[in-house]
């Protein structure tokens, strides 16, 4: 499943492919995705993925474990806004 991500501050859109619950990304990949939505290094307009505002397909939640890997959790159908799971849980996605 691919997901479209948006940033309503910069009016940018990008798409990431192969997203599913338990999908794991490296910190380097997350930074590349963020640069596609917000290229300004010191900007604080968005979350780690560069998302800001209402996401067209509900987006996804994510957590960051102690090793710096991000894992996805697809939202419930009633979820329309970006939410971030706490990163202090040290979750490891399998």
C-alpha atoms as a PDB file:
ATOM      1  CA  UNK A   1       0.000   0.000   0.000  1.00  0.00           C
ATOM      2  CA  UNK A   2       1.412   3.410  -0.866  1.00  0.00           C
ATOM      3  CA  UNK A   3       0.540   6.483   1.167  1.00  0.00           C
ATOM      4  CA  UNK A   4       0.495  10.100   0.095  1.00  0.00           C
ATOM      5  CA  UNK A   5       1.998  12.552   2.587  1.00  0.00           C
ATOM      6  CA  UNK A   6       1.340  16.288   2.539  1.00  0.00           C
ATOM      7  CA  UNK A   7       2.714  19.423   4.136  1.00  0.00           C
ATOM      8  CA  UNK A   8       0.153  22.238   4.044  1.00  0.00           C
ATOM      9  CA  UNK A   9       2.688  24.871   5.134  1.00  0.00           C
ATOM     10  CA  UNK A  10       4.936  24.414   2.083  1.00  0.00           C
ATOM     11  CA  UNK A  11       2.126  23.033  -0.147  1.00  0.00           C
ATOM     12  CA  UNK A  12       4.137  19.918  -0.976  1.00  0.00           C
ATOM     13  CA  UNK A  13       3.089  16.328  -1.585  1.00  0.00           C
ATOM     14  CA  UNK A  14       5.047  13.068  -1.773  1.00  0.00           C
ATOM     15  CA  UNK A  15       4.248   9.387  -1.808  1.00  0.00           C
ATOM     16  CA  UNK A  16       5.909   6.501  -0.001  1.00  0.00           C
ATOM     17  CA  UNK A  17       5.373   2.940  -1.151  1.00  0.00           C
ATOM     18  CA  UNK A  18       4.995  -0.367   0.647  1.00  0.00           C
ATOM     19  CA  UNK A  19       3.559   0.872   3.934  1.00  0.00           C
ATOM     20  CA  UNK A  20       2.019  -1.634   6.315  1.00  0.00           C
ATOM     21  CA  UNK A  21       1.702  -2.069  10.058  1.00  0.00           C
ATOM     22  CA  UNK A  22       5.111  -3.143  11.302  1.00  0.00           C
ATOM     23  CA  UNK A  23       7.018  -1.571   8.395  1.00  0.00           C
ATOM     24  CA  UNK A  24      10.443  -0.408   9.632  1.00  0.00           C
ATOM     25  CA  UNK A  25      12.397   2.565   8.254  1.00  0.00           C
ATOM     26  CA  UNK A  26      15.890   3.806   9.022  1.00  0.00           C
ATOM     27  CA  UNK A  27      16.479   7.345  10.243  1.00  0.00           C
ATOM     28  CA  UNK A  28      18.240   8.156   6.922  1.00  0.00           C
ATOM     29  CA  UNK A  29      15.148   7.140   4.924  1.00  0.00           C
ATOM     30  CA  UNK A  30      12.875   9.239   7.142  1.00  0.00           C
ATOM     31  CA  UNK A  31      15.143  12.269   6.616  1.00  0.00           C
ATOM     32  CA  UNK A  32      14.995  11.778   2.819  1.00  0.00           C
ATOM     33  CA  UNK A  33      11.187  11.705   2.918  1.00  0.00           C
ATOM     34  CA  UNK A  34      11.119  14.835   5.082  1.00  0.00           C
ATOM     35  CA  UNK A  35      13.400  16.688   2.638  1.00  0.00           C
ATOM     36  CA  UNK A  36      10.898  15.995  -0.144  1.00  0.00           C
ATOM     37  CA  UNK A  37       8.178  17.764   1.869  1.00  0.00           C
ATOM     38  CA  UNK A  38      10.277  20.396   3.661  1.00  0.00           C
ATOM     39  CA  UNK A  39      13.714  21.137   2.239  1.00  0.00           C
ATOM     40  CA  UNK A  40      14.634  23.760   4.840  1.00  0.00           C
ATOM     41  CA  UNK A  41      16.950  22.203   7.430  1.00  0.00           C
ATOM     42  CA  UNK A  42      16.075  24.521  10.336  1.00  0.00           C
ATOM     43  CA  UNK A  43      12.317  24.595   9.684  1.00  0.00           C
ATOM     44  CA  UNK A  44      10.071  23.277  12.461  1.00  0.00           C
ATOM     45  CA  UNK A  45       6.861  23.142  10.433  1.00  0.00           C
ATOM     46  CA  UNK A  46       6.333  19.375  10.600  1.00  0.00           C
ATOM     47  CA  UNK A  47       6.914  16.006  12.240  1.00  0.00           C
ATOM     48  CA  UNK A  48       9.840  13.649  11.557  1.00  0.00           C
ATOM     49  CA  UNK A  49       8.393  12.611   8.166  1.00  0.00           C
ATOM     50  CA  UNK A  50       7.707  16.191   7.042  1.00  0.00           C
ATOM     51  CA  UNK A  51       3.942  15.849   7.417  1.00  0.00           C
ATOM     52  CA  UNK A  52       1.761  18.717   8.483  1.00  0.00           C
ATOM     53  CA  UNK A  53      -2.008  19.134   8.495  1.00  0.00           C
ATOM     54  CA  UNK A  54      -4.752  16.787   7.460  1.00  0.00           C
ATOM     55  CA  UNK A  55      -3.485  13.816   5.452  1.00  0.00           C
ATOM     56  CA  UNK A  56      -5.575  12.737   2.425  1.00  0.00           C
ATOM     57  CA  UNK A  57      -5.803   9.074   3.410  1.00  0.00           C
ATOM     58  CA  UNK A  58      -5.495   9.375   7.179  1.00  0.00           C
ATOM     59  CA  UNK A  59      -1.698   9.060   7.136  1.00  0.00           C
ATOM     60  CA  UNK A  60      -0.205   6.660   9.642  1.00  0.00           C
ATOM     61  CA  UNK A  61       1.114   6.625  13.173  1.00  0.00           C
ATOM     62  CA  UNK A  62       4.694   5.777  13.963  1.00  0.00           C
ATOM     63  CA  UNK A  63       7.025   5.104  16.824  1.00  0.00           C
ATOM     64  CA  UNK A  64      10.769   5.397  17.128  1.00  0.00           C
ATOM     65  CA  UNK A  65      12.640   2.792  19.135  1.00  0.00           C
ATOM     66  CA  UNK A  66      15.880   3.307  21.051  1.00  0.00           C
ATOM     67  CA  UNK A  67      17.966   2.177  18.051  1.00  0.00           C
ATOM     68  CA  UNK A  68      16.617   5.031  15.929  1.00  0.00           C
ATOM     69  CA  UNK A  69      14.402   2.897  13.702  1.00  0.00           C
ATOM     70  CA  UNK A  70      10.876   4.045  12.901  1.00  0.00           C
ATOM     71  CA  UNK A  71       7.961   1.626  12.694  1.00  0.00           C
ATOM     72  CA  UNK A  72       4.552   2.239  11.122  1.00  0.00           C
ATOM     73  CA  UNK A  73       1.114   1.608  12.475  1.00  0.00           C
ATOM     74  CA  UNK A  74      -1.725   2.164  10.003  1.00  0.00           C
ATOM     75  CA  UNK A  75      -4.578   4.264  11.409  1.00  0.00           C
ATOM     76  CA  UNK A  76      -8.112   3.370  12.263  1.00  0.00           C
ATOM     77  CA  UNK A  77     -10.598   4.558   9.611  1.00  0.00           C
ATOM     78  CA  UNK A  78     -11.847   7.466  11.765  1.00  0.00           C
ATOM     79  CA  UNK A  79      -8.321   8.944  11.985  1.00  0.00           C
ATOM     80  CA  UNK A  80      -7.883  11.977   9.715  1.00  0.00           C
ATOM     81  CA  UNK A  81      -5.054  13.932  11.326  1.00  0.00           C
ATOM     82  CA  UNK A  82      -1.380  13.186  11.907  1.00  0.00           C
ATOM     83  CA  UNK A  83      -0.704  11.710  15.324  1.00  0.00           C
ATOM     84  CA  UNK A  84       2.602  10.583  16.745  1.00  0.00           C
ATOM     85  CA  UNK A  85       3.020   7.643  19.069  1.00  0.00           C
ATOM     86  CA  UNK A  86       5.275   8.248  22.081  1.00  0.00           C
ATOM     87  CA  UNK A  87       8.866   7.349  21.275  1.00  0.00           C
ATOM     88  CA  UNK A  88       9.898   6.443  24.818  1.00  0.00           C
ATOM     89  CA  UNK A  89       8.424   2.952  24.626  1.00  0.00           C
ATOM     90  CA  UNK A  90      11.395   1.435  22.789  1.00  0.00           C
ATOM     91  CA  UNK A  91       9.109  -0.507  20.452  1.00  0.00           C
ATOM     92  CA  UNK A  92      10.581  -2.954  18.029  1.00  0.00           C
ATOM     93  CA  UNK A  93       8.323  -3.736  15.091  1.00  0.00           C
ATOM     94  CA  UNK A  94       8.190  -7.298  13.860  1.00  0.00           C
END
